[in-house]
N, C-alpha and C. Protein backbone atom coordinates (compact mmCIF):
# COMPACT_ATOMS: atom_id res chain seq x y z
N LEU A 1 0.81 -1.21 0.00
CA LEU A 1 0.00 0.00 0.00
C LEU A 1 0.85 1.27 0.00
N LEU A 2 1.97 1.22 0.72
CA LEU A 2 2.87 2.37 0.77
C LEU A 2 3.92 2.18 -0.32
N SER A 3 3.78 2.90 -1.43
CA SER A 3 4.67 2.65 -2.55
C SER A 3 5.60 3.82 -2.89
N ARG A 4 5.21 5.05 -2.49
CA ARG A 4 6.05 6.21 -2.81
C ARG A 4 6.43 6.95 -1.53
N ASP A 5 7.59 7.60 -1.55
CA ASP A 5 8.00 8.39 -0.40
C ASP A 5 6.90 9.40 -0.05
N GLY A 6 6.56 9.47 1.23
CA GLY A 6 5.53 10.38 1.71
C GLY A 6 4.18 9.73 1.88
N ASP A 7 3.97 8.52 1.32
CA ASP A 7 2.71 7.80 1.53
C ASP A 7 2.61 7.44 3.00
N TYR A 8 1.38 7.52 3.56
CA TYR A 8 1.21 7.15 4.97
C TYR A 8 -0.20 6.65 5.22
N LEU A 9 -0.36 5.91 6.31
CA LEU A 9 -1.67 5.45 6.77
C LEU A 9 -1.61 5.23 8.27
N VAL A 10 -2.78 5.19 8.88
CA VAL A 10 -2.90 4.93 10.31
C VAL A 10 -3.66 3.63 10.46
N ARG A 11 -3.17 2.75 11.33
CA ARG A 11 -3.80 1.44 11.49
C ARG A 11 -3.69 0.99 12.94
N VAL A 12 -4.43 -0.04 13.27
CA VAL A 12 -4.36 -0.65 14.60
C VAL A 12 -3.72 -2.01 14.44
N THR A 13 -2.72 -2.29 15.26
CA THR A 13 -2.01 -3.56 15.18
C THR A 13 -1.34 -3.86 16.52
N GLU A 14 -0.84 -5.07 16.66
CA GLU A 14 -0.03 -5.43 17.82
C GLU A 14 1.43 -5.39 17.36
N PRO A 15 2.16 -4.29 17.66
CA PRO A 15 3.52 -4.13 17.15
C PRO A 15 4.47 -5.26 17.55
N GLU A 16 4.32 -5.76 18.76
CA GLU A 16 5.15 -6.87 19.25
C GLU A 16 4.25 -7.82 20.03
N PRO A 17 4.55 -9.11 20.02
CA PRO A 17 3.72 -10.06 20.76
C PRO A 17 3.58 -9.66 22.23
N GLY A 18 2.35 -9.70 22.71
CA GLY A 18 2.08 -9.38 24.10
C GLY A 18 1.94 -7.89 24.39
N MET A 19 2.16 -7.06 23.40
CA MET A 19 2.10 -5.60 23.60
C MET A 19 0.66 -5.09 23.60
N GLY A 20 -0.25 -5.88 23.05
CA GLY A 20 -1.63 -5.42 22.93
C GLY A 20 -1.79 -4.56 21.68
N LEU A 21 -3.03 -4.23 21.38
CA LEU A 21 -3.31 -3.43 20.19
C LEU A 21 -2.88 -1.98 20.40
N LYS A 22 -2.23 -1.42 19.41
CA LYS A 22 -1.77 -0.04 19.44
C LYS A 22 -2.12 0.63 18.12
N THR A 23 -2.28 1.93 18.16
CA THR A 23 -2.46 2.69 16.92
C THR A 23 -1.08 3.01 16.38
N VAL A 24 -0.87 2.73 15.10
CA VAL A 24 0.44 2.88 14.48
C VAL A 24 0.31 3.75 13.22
N LEU A 25 1.23 4.69 13.08
CA LEU A 25 1.35 5.49 11.86
C LEU A 25 2.44 4.84 11.02
N SER A 26 2.09 4.39 9.82
CA SER A 26 3.07 3.78 8.92
C SER A 26 3.32 4.75 7.77
N ALA A 27 4.60 4.94 7.44
CA ALA A 27 4.97 5.89 6.39
C ALA A 27 6.11 5.34 5.54
N ARG A 28 6.11 5.70 4.28
CA ARG A 28 7.18 5.31 3.35
C ARG A 28 8.13 6.50 3.22
N TRP A 29 9.44 6.23 3.41
CA TRP A 29 10.43 7.29 3.25
C TRP A 29 11.77 6.69 2.88
N LYS A 30 12.40 7.25 1.89
CA LYS A 30 13.68 6.77 1.38
C LYS A 30 13.62 5.27 1.06
N ASP A 31 12.52 4.90 0.38
CA ASP A 31 12.29 3.52 -0.07
C ASP A 31 12.20 2.50 1.05
N LYS A 32 11.83 2.94 2.26
CA LYS A 32 11.63 2.03 3.39
C LYS A 32 10.32 2.36 4.07
N ASN A 33 9.64 1.34 4.58
CA ASN A 33 8.45 1.56 5.39
C ASN A 33 8.87 1.72 6.85
N HIS A 34 8.33 2.75 7.48
CA HIS A 34 8.61 3.03 8.89
C HIS A 34 7.29 2.95 9.65
N HIS A 35 7.33 2.40 10.86
CA HIS A 35 6.13 2.22 11.66
C HIS A 35 6.33 2.89 13.01
N PHE A 36 5.47 3.87 13.31
CA PHE A 36 5.59 4.66 14.53
C PHE A 36 4.39 4.39 15.43
N VAL A 37 4.63 3.89 16.64
CA VAL A 37 3.56 3.67 17.60
C VAL A 37 3.10 5.04 18.10
N ILE A 38 1.79 5.27 18.06
CA ILE A 38 1.23 6.51 18.60
C ILE A 38 0.92 6.26 20.06
N ASN A 39 1.64 6.95 20.93
CA ASN A 39 1.48 6.79 22.37
C ASN A 39 0.40 7.73 22.88
N GLU A 40 -0.15 7.39 24.05
CA GLU A 40 -1.15 8.23 24.70
C GLU A 40 -0.81 8.35 26.17
N LYS A 41 -0.81 9.57 26.67
CA LYS A 41 -0.58 9.81 28.09
C LYS A 41 -1.40 11.02 28.51
N ASP A 42 -2.19 10.83 29.55
CA ASP A 42 -3.04 11.91 30.07
C ASP A 42 -3.95 12.50 28.99
N GLY A 43 -4.47 11.64 28.12
CA GLY A 43 -5.38 12.09 27.08
C GLY A 43 -4.73 12.84 25.93
N ARG A 44 -3.41 12.78 25.82
CA ARG A 44 -2.67 13.45 24.75
C ARG A 44 -1.91 12.40 23.94
N PHE A 45 -1.87 12.58 22.63
CA PHE A 45 -1.26 11.61 21.73
C PHE A 45 0.06 12.14 21.18
N PHE A 46 1.05 11.24 21.07
CA PHE A 46 2.36 11.67 20.59
C PHE A 46 3.15 10.50 20.03
N ILE A 47 4.13 10.83 19.19
CA ILE A 47 5.10 9.86 18.69
C ILE A 47 6.45 10.17 19.28
N ASP A 48 6.82 11.44 19.19
CA ASP A 48 8.12 11.87 19.71
C ASP A 48 7.88 12.96 20.75
N LYS A 49 7.95 14.22 20.36
CA LYS A 49 7.83 15.29 21.34
C LYS A 49 6.48 15.99 21.36
N PRO A 50 6.02 16.62 20.28
CA PRO A 50 4.76 17.36 20.41
C PRO A 50 3.61 16.42 20.76
N LYS A 51 2.71 16.90 21.64
CA LYS A 51 1.54 16.12 22.05
C LYS A 51 0.28 16.81 21.57
N PHE A 52 -0.74 16.00 21.25
CA PHE A 52 -1.95 16.52 20.63
C PHE A 52 -3.19 15.92 21.30
N PRO A 53 -4.33 16.64 21.27
CA PRO A 53 -5.55 16.12 21.90
C PRO A 53 -6.20 14.96 21.15
N THR A 54 -5.90 14.82 19.85
CA THR A 54 -6.46 13.71 19.06
C THR A 54 -5.40 13.18 18.08
N ILE A 55 -5.62 11.97 17.62
CA ILE A 55 -4.72 11.38 16.62
C ILE A 55 -4.83 12.16 15.31
N LEU A 56 -6.03 12.61 14.97
CA LEU A 56 -6.21 13.39 13.75
C LEU A 56 -5.38 14.67 13.79
N LYS A 57 -5.36 15.36 14.92
CA LYS A 57 -4.56 16.59 15.03
C LYS A 57 -3.07 16.28 14.95
N LEU A 58 -2.65 15.15 15.50
CA LEU A 58 -1.25 14.73 15.41
C LEU A 58 -0.86 14.55 13.94
N VAL A 59 -1.65 13.78 13.21
CA VAL A 59 -1.35 13.52 11.80
C VAL A 59 -1.39 14.82 10.99
N ASN A 60 -2.43 15.63 11.21
CA ASN A 60 -2.55 16.90 10.47
C ASN A 60 -1.35 17.81 10.71
N TYR A 61 -0.82 17.81 11.92
CA TYR A 61 0.36 18.62 12.23
C TYR A 61 1.54 18.22 11.34
N TYR A 62 1.83 16.92 11.30
CA TYR A 62 2.97 16.45 10.50
C TYR A 62 2.76 16.66 9.00
N VAL A 63 1.51 16.57 8.54
CA VAL A 63 1.22 16.78 7.12
C VAL A 63 1.35 18.26 6.76
N THR A 64 0.69 19.13 7.52
CA THR A 64 0.67 20.55 7.16
C THR A 64 2.00 21.24 7.43
N GLU A 65 2.69 20.87 8.50
CA GLU A 65 3.97 21.50 8.83
C GLU A 65 5.14 20.90 8.06
N GLN A 66 4.92 19.72 7.46
CA GLN A 66 5.98 19.02 6.72
C GLN A 66 7.23 18.82 7.56
N LYS A 67 7.01 18.51 8.85
CA LYS A 67 8.12 18.22 9.76
C LYS A 67 8.33 16.71 9.79
N PRO A 68 9.55 16.25 9.94
CA PRO A 68 9.79 14.81 10.05
C PRO A 68 9.09 14.22 11.28
N VAL A 69 8.55 13.03 11.13
CA VAL A 69 7.88 12.37 12.24
C VAL A 69 8.88 12.11 13.36
N THR A 70 10.07 11.66 13.01
CA THR A 70 11.17 11.53 13.98
C THR A 70 12.45 12.02 13.31
N GLU A 71 13.38 12.48 14.12
CA GLU A 71 14.66 12.95 13.57
C GLU A 71 15.45 11.81 12.94
N SER A 72 15.34 10.62 13.53
CA SER A 72 16.16 9.50 13.04
C SER A 72 15.72 9.01 11.66
N THR A 73 14.41 9.04 11.36
CA THR A 73 13.94 8.56 10.05
C THR A 73 13.81 9.69 9.03
N GLU A 74 13.58 10.89 9.51
CA GLU A 74 13.35 12.07 8.66
C GLU A 74 12.10 11.92 7.79
N ALA A 75 11.22 10.96 8.11
CA ALA A 75 10.03 10.70 7.30
C ALA A 75 9.07 11.88 7.31
N ILE A 76 8.65 12.30 6.12
CA ILE A 76 7.68 13.38 5.93
C ILE A 76 6.38 12.76 5.40
N LEU A 77 5.24 13.18 5.98
CA LEU A 77 3.94 12.67 5.55
C LEU A 77 3.39 13.56 4.45
N MET A 78 3.05 12.96 3.31
CA MET A 78 2.53 13.74 2.18
C MET A 78 1.21 13.22 1.63
N THR A 79 1.11 11.92 1.38
CA THR A 79 -0.05 11.38 0.68
C THR A 79 -0.75 10.32 1.53
N PRO A 80 -1.98 10.60 2.00
CA PRO A 80 -2.69 9.59 2.79
C PRO A 80 -3.14 8.43 1.90
N ILE A 81 -3.05 7.23 2.43
CA ILE A 81 -3.54 6.04 1.73
C ILE A 81 -4.84 5.64 2.43
N PRO A 82 -5.98 5.77 1.74
CA PRO A 82 -7.27 5.48 2.38
C PRO A 82 -7.46 3.98 2.62
N LYS A 83 -8.41 3.69 3.50
CA LYS A 83 -8.78 2.30 3.75
C LYS A 83 -9.20 1.67 2.43
N GLN A 84 -8.77 0.46 2.18
CA GLN A 84 -9.08 -0.24 0.94
C GLN A 84 -10.50 -0.82 1.00
N GLU A 85 -11.11 -1.02 -0.15
CA GLU A 85 -12.48 -1.54 -0.21
C GLU A 85 -12.62 -2.89 0.48
N TRP A 86 -11.58 -3.71 0.42
CA TRP A 86 -11.65 -5.07 0.97
C TRP A 86 -11.44 -5.08 2.49
N GLU A 87 -11.09 -3.96 3.09
CA GLU A 87 -10.85 -3.94 4.53
C GLU A 87 -12.16 -3.77 5.29
N PHE A 88 -12.32 -4.54 6.35
CA PHE A 88 -13.52 -4.47 7.17
C PHE A 88 -13.30 -3.50 8.33
N LYS A 89 -14.37 -2.82 8.73
CA LYS A 89 -14.32 -2.00 9.93
C LYS A 89 -14.50 -2.92 11.14
N HIS A 90 -13.87 -2.56 12.25
CA HIS A 90 -13.93 -3.40 13.45
C HIS A 90 -15.37 -3.61 13.92
N ASP A 91 -16.22 -2.59 13.81
CA ASP A 91 -17.58 -2.74 14.32
C ASP A 91 -18.47 -3.59 13.41
N TRP A 92 -17.97 -4.05 12.27
CA TRP A 92 -18.72 -4.97 11.41
C TRP A 92 -18.56 -6.41 11.89
N ILE A 93 -17.63 -6.66 12.80
CA ILE A 93 -17.28 -8.03 13.20
C ILE A 93 -17.56 -8.23 14.69
N ILE A 94 -18.24 -9.33 15.00
CA ILE A 94 -18.44 -9.73 16.39
C ILE A 94 -17.73 -11.06 16.56
N LEU A 95 -16.73 -11.09 17.43
CA LEU A 95 -15.98 -12.32 17.67
C LEU A 95 -16.79 -13.28 18.52
N GLY A 96 -16.74 -14.56 18.16
CA GLY A 96 -17.37 -15.61 18.94
C GLY A 96 -16.32 -16.41 19.68
N ARG A 97 -16.53 -17.73 19.74
CA ARG A 97 -15.61 -18.58 20.50
C ARG A 97 -14.30 -18.80 19.74
N LYS A 98 -13.26 -19.03 20.51
CA LYS A 98 -11.95 -19.27 19.93
C LYS A 98 -11.90 -20.69 19.39
N LEU A 99 -11.46 -20.84 18.14
CA LEU A 99 -11.38 -22.16 17.50
C LEU A 99 -9.99 -22.76 17.59
N GLY A 100 -8.98 -21.92 17.64
CA GLY A 100 -7.61 -22.40 17.67
C GLY A 100 -6.63 -21.25 17.72
N GLU A 101 -5.35 -21.62 17.69
CA GLU A 101 -4.31 -20.60 17.77
C GLU A 101 -3.08 -21.08 17.00
N GLY A 102 -2.40 -20.15 16.37
CA GLY A 102 -1.19 -20.49 15.62
C GLY A 102 -0.12 -19.45 15.85
N ALA A 103 0.93 -19.52 15.05
CA ALA A 103 2.07 -18.62 15.21
C ALA A 103 1.70 -17.16 14.98
N PHE A 104 0.65 -16.90 14.20
CA PHE A 104 0.29 -15.53 13.87
C PHE A 104 -0.95 -15.04 14.60
N GLY A 105 -1.45 -15.78 15.58
CA GLY A 105 -2.60 -15.30 16.35
C GLY A 105 -3.68 -16.35 16.48
N GLY A 106 -4.81 -15.93 17.06
CA GLY A 106 -5.94 -16.80 17.30
C GLY A 106 -6.91 -16.83 16.13
N VAL A 107 -7.66 -17.93 16.05
CA VAL A 107 -8.71 -18.09 15.04
C VAL A 107 -10.03 -18.19 15.78
N TYR A 108 -10.99 -17.34 15.39
CA TYR A 108 -12.27 -17.26 16.09
C TYR A 108 -13.43 -17.48 15.13
N ALA A 109 -14.51 -18.04 15.66
CA ALA A 109 -15.78 -18.01 14.95
C ALA A 109 -16.34 -16.61 15.18
N GLY A 110 -17.25 -16.18 14.34
CA GLY A 110 -17.79 -14.85 14.54
C GLY A 110 -18.89 -14.54 13.55
N ILE A 111 -19.36 -13.30 13.63
CA ILE A 111 -20.41 -12.83 12.74
C ILE A 111 -19.92 -11.55 12.06
N LEU A 112 -20.05 -11.53 10.73
CA LEU A 112 -19.70 -10.36 9.93
C LEU A 112 -21.00 -9.75 9.43
N THR A 113 -21.19 -8.46 9.67
CA THR A 113 -22.38 -7.76 9.20
C THR A 113 -21.99 -6.81 8.08
N LEU A 114 -22.57 -7.04 6.90
CA LEU A 114 -22.36 -6.16 5.74
C LEU A 114 -23.72 -5.65 5.31
N GLY A 115 -23.97 -4.38 5.56
CA GLY A 115 -25.29 -3.82 5.27
C GLY A 115 -26.32 -4.48 6.17
N ARG A 116 -27.33 -5.11 5.57
CA ARG A 116 -28.38 -5.79 6.35
C ARG A 116 -28.16 -7.29 6.45
N ARG A 117 -27.08 -7.78 5.83
CA ARG A 117 -26.81 -9.22 5.83
C ARG A 117 -25.78 -9.58 6.88
N LYS A 118 -26.00 -10.73 7.51
CA LYS A 118 -25.07 -11.26 8.51
C LYS A 118 -24.51 -12.58 8.01
N TYR A 119 -23.21 -12.75 8.20
CA TYR A 119 -22.52 -13.97 7.79
C TYR A 119 -21.85 -14.57 9.00
N GLU A 120 -22.07 -15.88 9.22
CA GLU A 120 -21.43 -16.55 10.36
C GLU A 120 -20.22 -17.32 9.91
């Protein structure tokens, strides 16, 4: 998804096993993908130094000011990559019982709601 320098997106993932779900800003810079965990403390969001009341304000700051996300990567945010058509929103899915587990996570039964239709 990130193919050109300056491409970026925000996603939820578990950066390291056992870390739990975190919001991550992923950006392409100098032909490498960089992943920045967005931290939260006292209701303020940050990656490095400046803190913001929302994740949207954090991202908008780096886009409009054209400041590097971190000094070490020098990554500049330029082009947002929107959610793809094939990606599901979290609230469309209701997890059921756990069916199994593997090296990449758990497998669950569940219900997917698309419009007025439900799929088990």
